[in-house]
Every structure is written in C-alpha cells, then in structure tokens.
Amino acid sequence: MSASVPASVSSSRSLKIGIVGFGTFSQFLAKTMIKQGHSLRATSRTDYSQLCADMGIAFFSDVAAFLGADNDVIMICTSILSLSQVLRSMPFTALKQPALFVDVLSVKEYARDTLLQVLPEDSDVLCTHPMFGPESGKHGWRDLNFMYERVRVRDEETCSSFLKIFEIEGCRMLEMSCTEHDELAAKSQFLTHTIGRFLSEMDIESTPIDTKGFEALVQLRKNTESNSFDLFSGLYIHNRFAKQELKNLEFAFEKLKHKLLKRNDEEQEVNQ
C-alpha cells in the first residue's frame, strides 16, 4: 500500500466522463470534475435532465446512446445493491471504443468481480473508493482518503488522467488491493455504521448534561441516519469481512456484559 500525493500536479488531460447513476454522490463528484475542465454526460433511472442542463452536463435517457457517446471514462455510481442489475441491463455492444470503467462503491471485491464478469474484455477497470462525501468534502478534498486499484488497465494515460482529478484536489492517494480495502473497511466504515445504527435503534437524544463523548455519539447517530439503510445493508451483504466484524461486535458485547454482571455480584457480596 502506498500513500502519496505528487508535490506538484499542474493539470490533467481533459476527459470525456460518462456517469451511470446521477444521485447525490455523483453530483458532488461532478462539480469538481467540471471545475477542472472535464466534459461530463450522465444517465440515470431518475430523470435528471434539468439538473444536468443547469450544470452543463449532457443527460441521456437512452442508455445505448449514452454508451455510444464516445466516453473516455464511464464512472459507475449506482448503489451497492443495484450494481449487478444495472450493469447486466446495459447494452455494451453500443460502445464505439474501449473505455475505462471506474466504480466508486464502498465495497470493492464485489464491485471488481461484477465488473470483470459483465464488461467486455477490452474494457479497462479501475476500482476506487473516495472515502468522503458531500458533507465531509464540502470544504475541499485536501488530505481526504482516495483508495484505488488498477484492476485491468492497458490505457495508462486515461487511467492516470482520471486519478489526477483527485491528486489535484490534494487527496491522500491510497493504492491497495480490493481485498485489503474490504478487510480494513469492515473494521472501520462498517463498524462505524453499525454502532450508529445501534444508537439510532436506541433513539438517543441530546440531554442538558451531555459530555463531549455523548455529543459525539449523538452526531454519529445523525451522520448514520443521513445514509440509507440500503447502503448499510450493502456494506454487510457484499463485504465478506463484515460478517466476522458483526460477530466480533456481538462477542465483545456479551463479554463486557458478563464482566459487568460479575463485578455487580462481587460488589453485592462485599456489601452483605
């Protein structure tokens, strides 16, 4: 694994980037790509034609026309749960030339395997995870983590130009395997979402005597609830390491509960 940002990155080659799935996250990424001078086009199940027109992005309701629009890069921004269905419904025979397919999902082994199974053999594949979003990245992307793996890359120039989008913004560029990402993400991202969901199920609220620690828990609950349950379930279903982390959490809870009950019994014996 490496973590480095070039000392000086002046500019990247202007790319024609197609976006599949134009939800909140891809809209967030698109703003910076437009600012850097890249040409964008998008397709989505929802009609974003007016929003795209306002942003200077060509919107395609016809997926075949989108695929035939001479894209250098096709960025997959679907939800985790809809990835396979969306990809398998796309008429890749409409592609006029090989393109670099880039996914930005929060699970990587599943995204990699699905892309390799479904895409034409001459398509390049770059798996990425921008580990930030519209809230954490609203003041810029400097020092925010961007994970990537060159899964199948023959056109190095296009791949490097895409990665430079994030280098230019000052991201911490983390090159690692999809497997390593998922193992680490299960211990960090999935665990964070799980604890946040626990707090949401408990319906915790601020009190007049909050400590700083409890304020952080309330904020964690709010941050978690701002994400869909589909995202949370996708982090579990399609990251094989998440299953063990959930078991570890359950074991840790039972172990801690046992310690408390044991101490409680000991204290009662002393005070009898």
C-alpha atoms as a PDB file:
ATOM      1  CA  MET A   1       0.000   0.000   0.000  1.00  0.00           C
ATOM      2  CA  SER A   2       1.272   3.491  -0.799  1.00  0.00           C
ATOM      3  CA  ALA A   3       0.084   6.884   0.340  1.00  0.00           C
ATOM      4  CA  SER A   4       1.427   9.800  -1.624  1.00  0.00           C
ATOM      5  CA  VAL A   5       0.392  12.937  -3.429  1.00  0.00           C
ATOM      6  CA  PRO A   6       2.628  14.376  -6.145  1.00  0.00           C
ATOM      7  CA  ALA A   7       4.399  17.502  -4.933  1.00  0.00           C
ATOM      8  CA  SER A   8       3.176  19.416  -7.942  1.00  0.00           C
ATOM      9  CA  VAL A   9       0.333  18.429 -10.218  1.00  0.00           C
ATOM     10  CA  SER A  10      -0.401  21.196 -12.657  1.00  0.00           C
ATOM     11  CA  SER A  11      -3.223  19.832 -14.749  1.00  0.00           C
ATOM     12  CA  SER A  12      -4.780  16.653 -16.088  1.00  0.00           C
ATOM     13  CA  ARG A  13      -5.787  15.818 -19.627  1.00  0.00           C
ATOM     14  CA  SER A  14      -9.384  16.799 -20.318  1.00  0.00           C
ATOM     15  CA  LEU A  15     -11.520  13.672 -20.234  1.00  0.00           C
ATOM     16  CA  LYS A  16     -14.962  12.796 -21.553  1.00  0.00           C
ATOM     17  CA  ILE A  17     -16.531  11.187 -18.495  1.00  0.00           C
ATOM     18  CA  GLY A  18     -19.844   9.365 -18.543  1.00  0.00           C
ATOM     19  CA  ILE A  19     -21.641   8.826 -15.223  1.00  0.00           C
ATOM     20  CA  VAL A  20     -24.024   5.921 -14.599  1.00  0.00           C
ATOM     21  CA  GLY A  21     -26.324   6.839 -11.707  1.00  0.00           C
ATOM     22  CA  PHE A  22     -26.569  10.576 -11.065  1.00  0.00           C
ATOM     23  CA  GLY A  23     -27.524  10.628  -7.383  1.00  0.00           C
ATOM     24  CA  THR A  24     -26.244  12.916  -4.627  1.00  0.00           C
ATOM     25  CA  PHE A  25     -22.721  11.460  -4.509  1.00  0.00           C
ATOM     26  CA  SER A  26     -22.071  11.569  -8.249  1.00  0.00           C
ATOM     27  CA  GLN A  27     -23.480  15.108  -8.404  1.00  0.00           C
ATOM     28  CA  PHE A  28     -20.948  16.025  -5.707  1.00  0.00           C
ATOM     29  CA  LEU A  29     -18.046  14.500  -7.670  1.00  0.00           C
ATOM     30  CA  ALA A  30     -19.267  16.028 -10.934  1.00  0.00           C
ATOM     31  CA  LYS A  31     -18.933  19.602  -9.651  1.00  0.00           C
ATOM     32  CA  THR A  32     -15.193  19.218  -9.139  1.00  0.00           C
ATOM     33  CA  MET A  33     -14.724  17.388 -12.439  1.00  0.00           C
ATOM     34  CA  ILE A  34     -16.479  20.223 -14.273  1.00  0.00           C
ATOM     35  CA  LYS A  35     -14.370  22.774 -12.403  1.00  0.00           C
ATOM     36  CA  GLN A  36     -11.246  21.006 -13.679  1.00  0.00           C
ATOM     37  CA  GLY A  37     -12.476  21.241 -17.282  1.00  0.00           C
ATOM     38  CA  HIS A  38     -13.679  17.722 -17.963  1.00  0.00           C
ATOM     39  CA  SER A  39     -16.665  17.078 -20.242  1.00  0.00           C
ATOM     40  CA  LEU A  40     -19.468  15.177 -18.499  1.00  0.00           C
ATOM     41  CA  ARG A  41     -22.508  13.232 -19.599  1.00  0.00           C
ATOM     42  CA  ALA A  42     -24.847  11.155 -17.426  1.00  0.00           C
ATOM     43  CA  THR A  43     -27.562   8.530 -17.466  1.00  0.00           C
ATOM     44  CA  SER A  44     -29.799   7.507 -14.586  1.00  0.00           C
ATOM     45  CA  ARG A  45     -33.099   5.784 -13.835  1.00  0.00           C
ATOM     46  CA  THR A  46     -34.359   9.117 -12.465  1.00  0.00           C
ATOM     47  CA  ASP A  47     -34.813  11.969 -14.938  1.00  0.00           C
ATOM     48  CA  TYR A  48     -32.052  14.457 -14.075  1.00  0.00           C
ATOM     49  CA  SER A  49     -32.239  16.238 -17.418  1.00  0.00           C
ATOM     50  CA  GLN A  50     -32.985  19.679 -15.941  1.00  0.00           C
ATOM     51  CA  LEU A  51     -30.333  19.422 -13.223  1.00  0.00           C
ATOM     52  CA  CYS A  52     -27.779  18.251 -15.784  1.00  0.00           C
ATOM     53  CA  ALA A  53     -28.720  21.098 -18.126  1.00  0.00           C
ATOM     54  CA  ASP A  54     -28.167  23.552 -15.268  1.00  0.00           C
ATOM     55  CA  MET A  55     -24.741  22.004 -14.575  1.00  0.00           C
ATOM     56  CA  GLY A  56     -23.660  21.861 -18.214  1.00  0.00           C
ATOM     57  CA  ILE A  57     -23.872  18.072 -18.396  1.00  0.00           C
ATOM     58  CA  ALA A  58     -25.447  16.118 -21.263  1.00  0.00           C
ATOM     59  CA  PHE A  59     -28.169  13.806 -19.914  1.00  0.00           C
ATOM     60  CA  PHE A  60     -29.086  10.584 -21.738  1.00  0.00           C
ATOM     61  CA  SER A  61     -32.340   8.780 -21.014  1.00  0.00           C
ATOM     62  CA  ASP A  62     -31.319   6.212 -23.645  1.00  0.00           C
ATOM     63  CA  VAL A  63     -28.527   4.043 -22.197  1.00  0.00           C
ATOM     64  CA  ALA A  64     -27.426   2.791 -25.634  1.00  0.00           C
ATOM     65  CA  ALA A  65     -26.970   6.378 -26.816  1.00  0.00           C
ATOM     66  CA  PHE A  66     -25.036   7.126 -23.619  1.00  0.00           C
ATOM     67  CA  LEU A  67     -22.673   4.202 -24.212  1.00  0.00           C
ATOM     68  CA  GLY A  68     -22.158   5.293 -27.800  1.00  0.00           C
ATOM     69  CA  ALA A  69     -21.278   8.857 -26.810  1.00  0.00           C
ATOM     70  CA  ASP A  70     -17.502   8.414 -27.184  1.00  0.00           C
ATOM     71  CA  ASN A  71     -16.662   8.318 -23.443  1.00  0.00           C
ATOM     72  CA  ASP A  72     -13.043   8.054 -22.291  1.00  0.00           C
ATOM     73  CA  VAL A  73     -14.217   7.024 -18.831  1.00  0.00           C
ATOM     74  CA  ILE A  74     -17.500   5.522 -17.638  1.00  0.00           C
ATOM     75  CA  MET A  75     -17.933   6.017 -13.910  1.00  0.00           C
ATOM     76  CA  ILE A  76     -20.300   3.614 -12.156  1.00  0.00           C
ATOM     77  CA  CYS A  77     -22.125   5.413  -9.329  1.00  0.00           C
ATOM     78  CA  THR A  78     -25.012   3.060  -8.637  1.00  0.00           C
ATOM     79  CA  SER A  79     -25.947   1.820  -5.179  1.00  0.00           C
ATOM     80  CA  ILE A  80     -24.205  -1.339  -3.992  1.00  0.00           C
ATOM     81  CA  LEU A  81     -27.423  -3.349  -4.123  1.00  0.00           C
ATOM     82  CA  SER A  82     -28.337  -2.287  -7.671  1.00  0.00           C
ATOM     83  CA  LEU A  83     -24.875  -2.660  -9.243  1.00  0.00           C
ATOM     84  CA  SER A  84     -25.314  -6.106 -10.776  1.00  0.00           C
ATOM     85  CA  GLN A  85     -28.793  -5.423 -12.124  1.00  0.00           C
ATOM     86  CA  VAL A  86     -27.786  -2.093 -13.668  1.00  0.00           C
ATOM     87  CA  LEU A  87     -24.631  -3.436 -15.306  1.00  0.00           C
ATOM     88  CA  ARG A  88     -26.303  -6.565 -16.668  1.00  0.00           C
ATOM     89  CA  SER A  89     -29.041  -4.464 -18.255  1.00  0.00           C
ATOM     90  CA  MET A  90     -26.616  -2.239 -20.179  1.00  0.00           C
ATOM     91  CA  PRO A  91     -26.192  -2.851 -23.943  1.00  0.00           C
ATOM     92  CA  PHE A  92     -22.386  -2.817 -24.087  1.00  0.00           C
ATOM     93  CA  THR A  93     -22.477  -3.634 -27.794  1.00  0.00           C
ATOM     94  CA  ALA A  94     -23.291   0.068 -28.227  1.00  0.00           C
ATOM     95  CA  LEU A  95     -19.760   1.005 -27.149  1.00  0.00           C
ATOM     96  CA  LYS A  96     -17.903   2.500 -30.110  1.00  0.00           C
ATOM     97  CA  GLN A  97     -14.485   2.144 -28.480  1.00  0.00           C
ATOM     98  CA  PRO A  98     -12.941   0.599 -25.347  1.00  0.00           C
ATOM     99  CA  ALA A  99     -13.413   2.743 -22.255  1.00  0.00           C
ATOM    100  CA  LEU A 100     -12.039   2.868 -18.735  1.00  0.00           C
ATOM    101  CA  PHE A 101     -14.756   1.757 -16.325  1.00  0.00           C
ATOM    102  CA  VAL A 102     -14.393   3.194 -12.837  1.00  0.00           C
ATOM    103  CA  ASP A 103     -16.554   2.292  -9.871  1.00  0.00           C
ATOM    104  CA  VAL A 104     -16.837   4.390  -6.701  1.00  0.00           C
ATOM    105  CA  LEU A 105     -18.676   1.911  -4.473  1.00  0.00           C
ATOM    106  CA  SER A 106     -17.926   1.390  -0.782  1.00  0.00           C
ATOM    107  CA  VAL A 107     -17.294  -2.350  -1.286  1.00  0.00           C
ATOM    108  CA  LYS A 108     -14.537  -3.374  -3.634  1.00  0.00           C
ATOM    109  CA  GLU A 109     -14.196  -7.146  -4.129  1.00  0.00           C
ATOM    110  CA  TYR A 110     -17.849  -7.390  -5.168  1.00  0.00           C
ATOM    111  CA  ALA A 111     -17.575  -4.385  -7.493  1.00  0.00           C
ATOM    112  CA  ARG A 112     -14.364  -5.729  -9.054  1.00  0.00           C
ATOM    113  CA  ASP A 113     -15.756  -9.230  -9.610  1.00  0.00           C
ATOM    114  CA  THR A 114     -19.023  -7.929 -11.062  1.00  0.00           C
ATOM    115  CA  LEU A 115     -17.263  -5.568 -13.464  1.00  0.00           C
ATOM    116  CA  LEU A 116     -14.898  -8.289 -14.671  1.00  0.00           C
ATOM    117  CA  GLN A 117     -17.803 -10.684 -15.219  1.00  0.00           C
ATOM    118  CA  VAL A 118     -20.051  -8.271 -17.098  1.00  0.00           C
ATOM    119  CA  LEU A 119     -17.853  -5.848 -19.046  1.00  0.00           C
ATOM    120  CA  PRO A 120     -16.377  -6.522 -22.478  1.00  0.00           C
ATOM    121  CA  GLU A 121     -12.870  -7.986 -22.284  1.00  0.00           C
ATOM    122  CA  ASP A 122     -11.332  -4.915 -23.967  1.00  0.00           C
ATOM    123  CA  SER A 123     -12.671  -2.560 -21.267  1.00  0.00           C
ATOM    124  CA  ASP A 124     -10.219  -1.303 -18.654  1.00  0.00           C
ATOM    125  CA  VAL A 125     -11.253  -1.484 -14.980  1.00  0.00           C
ATOM    126  CA  LEU A 126     -10.236   0.843 -12.149  1.00  0.00           C
ATOM    127  CA  CYS A 127     -11.801   0.205  -8.743  1.00  0.00           C
ATOM    128  CA  THR A 128     -11.887   3.223  -6.439  1.00  0.00           C
ATOM    129  CA  HIS A 129     -13.383   4.419  -3.174  1.00  0.00           C
ATOM    130  CA  PRO A 130     -13.400   8.171  -2.490  1.00  0.00           C
ATOM    131  CA  MET A 131     -13.649   7.888   1.293  1.00  0.00           C
ATOM    132  CA  PHE A 132     -15.527  11.145   1.730  1.00  0.00           C
ATOM    133  CA  GLY A 133     -18.797  12.680   0.601  1.00  0.00           C
ATOM    134  CA  PRO A 134     -20.807  15.865   0.203  1.00  0.00           C
ATOM    135  CA  GLU A 135     -20.619  16.640   3.938  1.00  0.00           C
ATOM    136  CA  SER A 136     -17.018  15.740   4.766  1.00  0.00           C
ATOM    137  CA  GLY A 137     -15.761  17.090   1.431  1.00  0.00           C
ATOM    138  CA  LYS A 138     -17.793  20.284   1.257  1.00  0.00           C
ATOM    139  CA  HIS A 139     -14.780  22.487   2.042  1.00  0.00           C
ATOM    140  CA  GLY A 140     -12.421  20.654  -0.334  1.00  0.00           C
ATOM    141  CA  TRP A 141     -10.815  17.247  -0.670  1.00  0.00           C
ATOM    142  CA  ARG A 142      -7.329  18.003   0.652  1.00  0.00           C
ATOM    143  CA  ASP A 143      -5.950  15.205   2.864  1.00  0.00           C
ATOM    144  CA  LEU A 144      -9.101  13.086   2.388  1.00  0.00           C
ATOM    145  CA  ASN A 145      -8.510   9.433   1.506  1.00  0.00           C
ATOM    146  CA  PHE A 146      -8.945   8.092  -2.019  1.00  0.00           C
ATOM    147  CA  MET A 147      -8.413   4.346  -2.416  1.00  0.00           C
ATOM    148  CA  TYR A 148      -7.854   2.718  -5.804  1.00  0.00           C
ATOM    149  CA  GLU A 149      -6.690  -0.465  -7.524  1.00  0.00           C
ATOM    150  CA  ARG A 150      -5.697  -0.727 -11.183  1.00  0.00           C
ATOM    151  CA  VAL A 151      -7.576  -3.977 -11.797  1.00  0.00           C
ATOM    152  CA  ARG A 152      -7.189  -4.155 -15.586  1.00  0.00           C
ATOM    153  CA  VAL A 153      -5.515  -1.142 -17.131  1.00  0.00           C
ATOM    154  CA  ARG A 154      -3.931  -1.030 -20.589  1.00  0.00           C
ATOM    155  CA  ASP A 155      -4.537   2.656 -21.362  1.00  0.00           C
ATOM    156  CA  GLU A 156      -2.269   4.138 -18.699  1.00  0.00           C
ATOM    157  CA  GLU A 157      -2.738   7.703 -19.945  1.00  0.00           C
ATOM    158  CA  THR A 158      -6.501   7.706 -19.423  1.00  0.00           C
ATOM    159  CA  CYS A 159      -6.197   5.990 -16.056  1.00  0.00           C
ATOM    160  CA  SER A 160      -3.543   8.432 -14.840  1.00  0.00           C
ATOM    161  CA  SER A 161      -5.580  11.403 -16.061  1.00  0.00           C
ATOM    162  CA  PHE A 162      -8.588  10.189 -14.082  1.00  0.00           C
ATOM    163  CA  LEU A 163      -6.539   9.656 -10.916  1.00  0.00           C
ATOM    164  CA  LYS A 164      -5.095  13.150 -11.310  1.00  0.00           C
ATOM    165  CA  ILE A 165      -8.577  14.568 -10.725  1.00  0.00           C
ATOM    166  CA  PHE A 166      -8.183  13.513  -7.097  1.00  0.00           C
ATOM    167  CA  GLU A 167      -4.450  14.200  -6.884  1.00  0.00           C
ATOM    168  CA  ILE A 168      -5.014  17.793  -7.997  1.00  0.00           C
ATOM    169  CA  GLU A 169      -7.534  18.289  -5.186  1.00  0.00           C
ATOM    170  CA  GLY A 170      -4.974  17.075  -2.650  1.00  0.00           C
ATOM    171  CA  CYS A 171      -6.434  13.677  -1.755  1.00  0.00           C
ATOM    172  CA  ARG A 172      -4.305  11.085   0.020  1.00  0.00           C
ATOM    173  CA  MET A 173      -3.892   8.559  -2.788  1.00  0.00           C
ATOM    174  CA  LEU A 174      -4.001   5.041  -1.342  1.00  0.00           C
ATOM    175  CA  GLU A 175      -3.203   2.258  -3.806  1.00  0.00           C
ATOM    176  CA  MET A 176      -4.222  -1.125  -2.383  1.00  0.00           C
ATOM    177  CA  SER A 177      -5.994  -4.303  -3.410  1.00  0.00           C
ATOM    178  CA  CYS A 178      -9.767  -4.555  -3.277  1.00  0.00           C
ATOM    179  CA  THR A 179      -9.387  -7.351  -0.722  1.00  0.00           C
ATOM    180  CA  GLU A 180      -7.233  -5.238   1.584  1.00  0.00           C
ATOM    181  CA  HIS A 181      -9.711  -2.378   1.285  1.00  0.00           C
ATOM    182  CA  ASP A 182     -12.677  -4.554   2.243  1.00  0.00           C
ATOM    183  CA  GLU A 183     -10.875  -6.053   5.230  1.00  0.00           C
ATOM    184  CA  LEU A 184      -9.957  -2.595   6.526  1.00  0.00           C
ATOM    185  CA  ALA A 185     -13.345  -1.055   5.693  1.00  0.00           C
ATOM    186  CA  ALA A 186     -15.154  -3.778   7.642  1.00  0.00           C
ATOM    187  CA  LYS A 187     -13.169  -2.746  10.722  1.00  0.00           C
ATOM    188  CA  SER A 188     -13.783   0.965  10.161  1.00  0.00           C
ATOM    189  CA  GLN A 189     -16.648   2.038   7.889  1.00  0.00           C
ATOM    190  CA  PHE A 190     -18.965  -0.922   8.552  1.00  0.00           C
ATOM    191  CA  LEU A 191     -18.269  -0.849  12.290  1.00  0.00           C
ATOM    192  CA  THR A 192     -18.988   2.898  12.402  1.00  0.00           C
ATOM    193  CA  HIS A 193     -22.281   2.459  10.537  1.00  0.00           C
ATOM    194  CA  THR A 194     -23.266  -0.475  12.783  1.00  0.00           C
ATOM    195  CA  ILE A 195     -22.694   1.444  16.013  1.00  0.00           C
ATOM    196  CA  GLY A 196     -24.534   4.416  14.540  1.00  0.00           C
ATOM    197  CA  ARG A 197     -27.487   2.138  13.715  1.00  0.00           C
ATOM    198  CA  PHE A 198     -27.465   0.781  17.277  1.00  0.00           C
ATOM    199  CA  LEU A 199     -27.666   4.339  18.590  1.00  0.00           C
ATOM    200  CA  SER A 200     -30.500   5.085  16.163  1.00  0.00           C
ATOM    201  CA  GLU A 201     -32.443   1.999  17.325  1.00  0.00           C
ATOM    202  CA  MET A 202     -31.973   3.229  20.913  1.00  0.00           C
ATOM    203  CA  ASP A 203     -33.280   6.653  19.826  1.00  0.00           C
ATOM    204  CA  ILE A 204     -30.605   8.541  21.758  1.00  0.00           C
ATOM    205  CA  GLU A 205     -31.097  12.321  22.043  1.00  0.00           C
ATOM    206  CA  SER A 206     -29.122  15.231  23.428  1.00  0.00           C
ATOM    207  CA  THR A 207     -29.616  15.967  27.132  1.00  0.00           C
ATOM    208  CA  PRO A 208     -28.932  19.080  29.267  1.00  0.00           C
ATOM    209  CA  ILE A 209     -25.881  17.362  30.798  1.00  0.00           C
ATOM    210  CA  ASP A 210     -24.167  15.948  27.703  1.00  0.00           C
ATOM    211  CA  THR A 211     -20.473  15.155  27.898  1.00  0.00           C
ATOM    212  CA  LYS A 212     -18.323  15.722  24.813  1.00  0.00           C
ATOM    213  CA  GLY A 213     -18.247  11.960  24.333  1.00  0.00           C
ATOM    214  CA  PHE A 214     -22.028  11.727  24.279  1.00  0.00           C
ATOM    215  CA  GLU A 215     -22.257  14.684  21.897  1.00  0.00           C
ATOM    216  CA  ALA A 216     -20.029  12.687  19.549  1.00  0.00           C
ATOM    217  CA  LEU A 217     -22.410   9.715  19.825  1.00  0.00           C
ATOM    218  CA  VAL A 218     -25.427  11.895  19.009  1.00  0.00           C
ATOM    219  CA  GLN A 219     -23.569  13.271  15.993  1.00  0.00           C
ATOM    220  CA  LEU A 220     -22.664   9.726  14.923  1.00  0.00           C
ATOM    221  CA  ARG A 221     -26.343   8.794  15.056  1.00  0.00           C
ATOM    222  CA  LYS A 222     -27.249  11.799  12.898  1.00  0.00           C
ATOM    223  CA  ASN A 223     -24.482  11.079  10.384  1.00  0.00           C
ATOM    224  CA  THR A 224     -25.567   7.448  10.126  1.00  0.00           C
ATOM    225  CA  GLU A 225     -29.225   8.310   9.620  1.00  0.00           C
ATOM    226  CA  SER A 226     -28.285  10.617   6.748  1.00  0.00           C
ATOM    227  CA  ASN A 227     -27.282   7.472   4.824  1.00  0.00           C
ATOM    228  CA  SER A 228     -29.816   4.954   3.528  1.00  0.00           C
ATOM    229  CA  PHE A 229     -30.358   1.544   5.065  1.00  0.00           C
ATOM    230  CA  ASP A 230     -29.638   0.176   1.576  1.00  0.00           C
ATOM    231  CA  LEU A 231     -26.078   1.473   1.914  1.00  0.00           C
ATOM    232  CA  PHE A 232     -25.698  -0.110   5.348  1.00  0.00           C
ATOM    233  CA  SER A 233     -27.095  -3.450   4.221  1.00  0.00           C
ATOM    234  CA  GLY A 234     -24.886  -3.322   1.114  1.00  0.00           C
ATOM    235  CA  LEU A 235     -21.820  -2.856   3.320  1.00  0.00           C
ATOM    236  CA  TYR A 236     -22.815  -6.060   5.122  1.00  0.00           C
ATOM    237  CA  ILE A 237     -24.106  -8.230   2.287  1.00  0.00           C
ATOM    238  CA  HIS A 238     -21.312  -7.533  -0.197  1.00  0.00           C
ATOM    239  CA  ASN A 239     -18.271  -7.314   2.082  1.00  0.00           C
ATOM    240  CA  ARG A 240     -17.378 -10.823   3.237  1.00  0.00           C
ATOM    241  CA  PHE A 241     -15.301  -9.426   6.116  1.00  0.00           C
ATOM    242  CA  ALA A 242     -18.281  -7.560   7.587  1.00  0.00           C
ATOM    243  CA  LYS A 243     -19.922 -10.798   8.757  1.00  0.00           C
ATOM    244  CA  GLN A 244     -16.994 -11.545  11.084  1.00  0.00           C
ATOM    245  CA  GLU A 245     -16.901  -7.971  12.373  1.00  0.00           C
ATOM    246  CA  LEU A 246     -20.575  -8.213  13.332  1.00  0.00           C
ATOM    247  CA  LYS A 247     -19.824 -11.460  15.166  1.00  0.00           C
ATOM    248  CA  ASN A 248     -16.866  -9.774  16.880  1.00  0.00           C
ATOM    249  CA  LEU A 249     -19.129  -6.939  17.995  1.00  0.00           C
ATOM    250  CA  GLU A 250     -21.693  -9.383  19.381  1.00  0.00           C
ATOM    251  CA  PHE A 251     -18.955 -11.310  21.201  1.00  0.00           C
ATOM    252  CA  ALA A 252     -17.469  -8.119  22.649  1.00  0.00           C
ATOM    253  CA  PHE A 253     -20.900  -7.023  23.906  1.00  0.00           C
ATOM    254  CA  GLU A 254     -21.527 -10.360  25.633  1.00  0.00           C
ATOM    255  CA  LYS A 255     -18.024 -10.361  27.118  1.00  0.00           C
ATOM    256  CA  LEU A 256     -18.442  -6.853  28.500  1.00  0.00           C
ATOM    257  CA  LYS A 257     -21.923  -7.654  29.808  1.00  0.00           C
ATOM    258  CA  HIS A 258     -20.515 -10.716  31.610  1.00  0.00           C
ATOM    259  CA  LYS A 259     -17.769  -8.584  33.211  1.00  0.00           C
ATOM    260  CA  LEU A 260     -20.319  -6.076  34.469  1.00  0.00           C
ATOM    261  CA  LEU A 261     -22.611  -8.749  35.910  1.00  0.00           C
ATOM    262  CA  LYS A 262     -19.660 -10.449  37.595  1.00  0.00           C
ATOM    263  CA  ARG A 263     -18.470  -7.188  39.165  1.00  0.00           C
ATOM    264  CA  ASN A 264     -22.017  -6.410  40.264  1.00  0.00           C
ATOM    265  CA  ASP A 265     -22.245  -9.801  42.011  1.00  0.00           C
ATOM    266  CA  GLU A 266     -18.860  -9.260  43.685  1.00  0.00           C
ATOM    267  CA  GLU A 267     -19.892  -5.865  44.996  1.00  0.00           C
ATOM    268  CA  GLN A 268     -23.135  -7.248  46.385  1.00  0.00           C
ATOM    269  CA  GLU A 269     -21.227  -9.986  48.253  1.00  0.00           C
ATOM    270  CA  VAL A 270     -18.845  -7.421  49.776  1.00  0.00           C
ATOM    271  CA  ASN A 271     -21.686  -5.231  50.983  1.00  0.00           C
ATOM    272  CA  GLN A 272     -23.759  -8.016  52.538  1.00  0.00           C
END
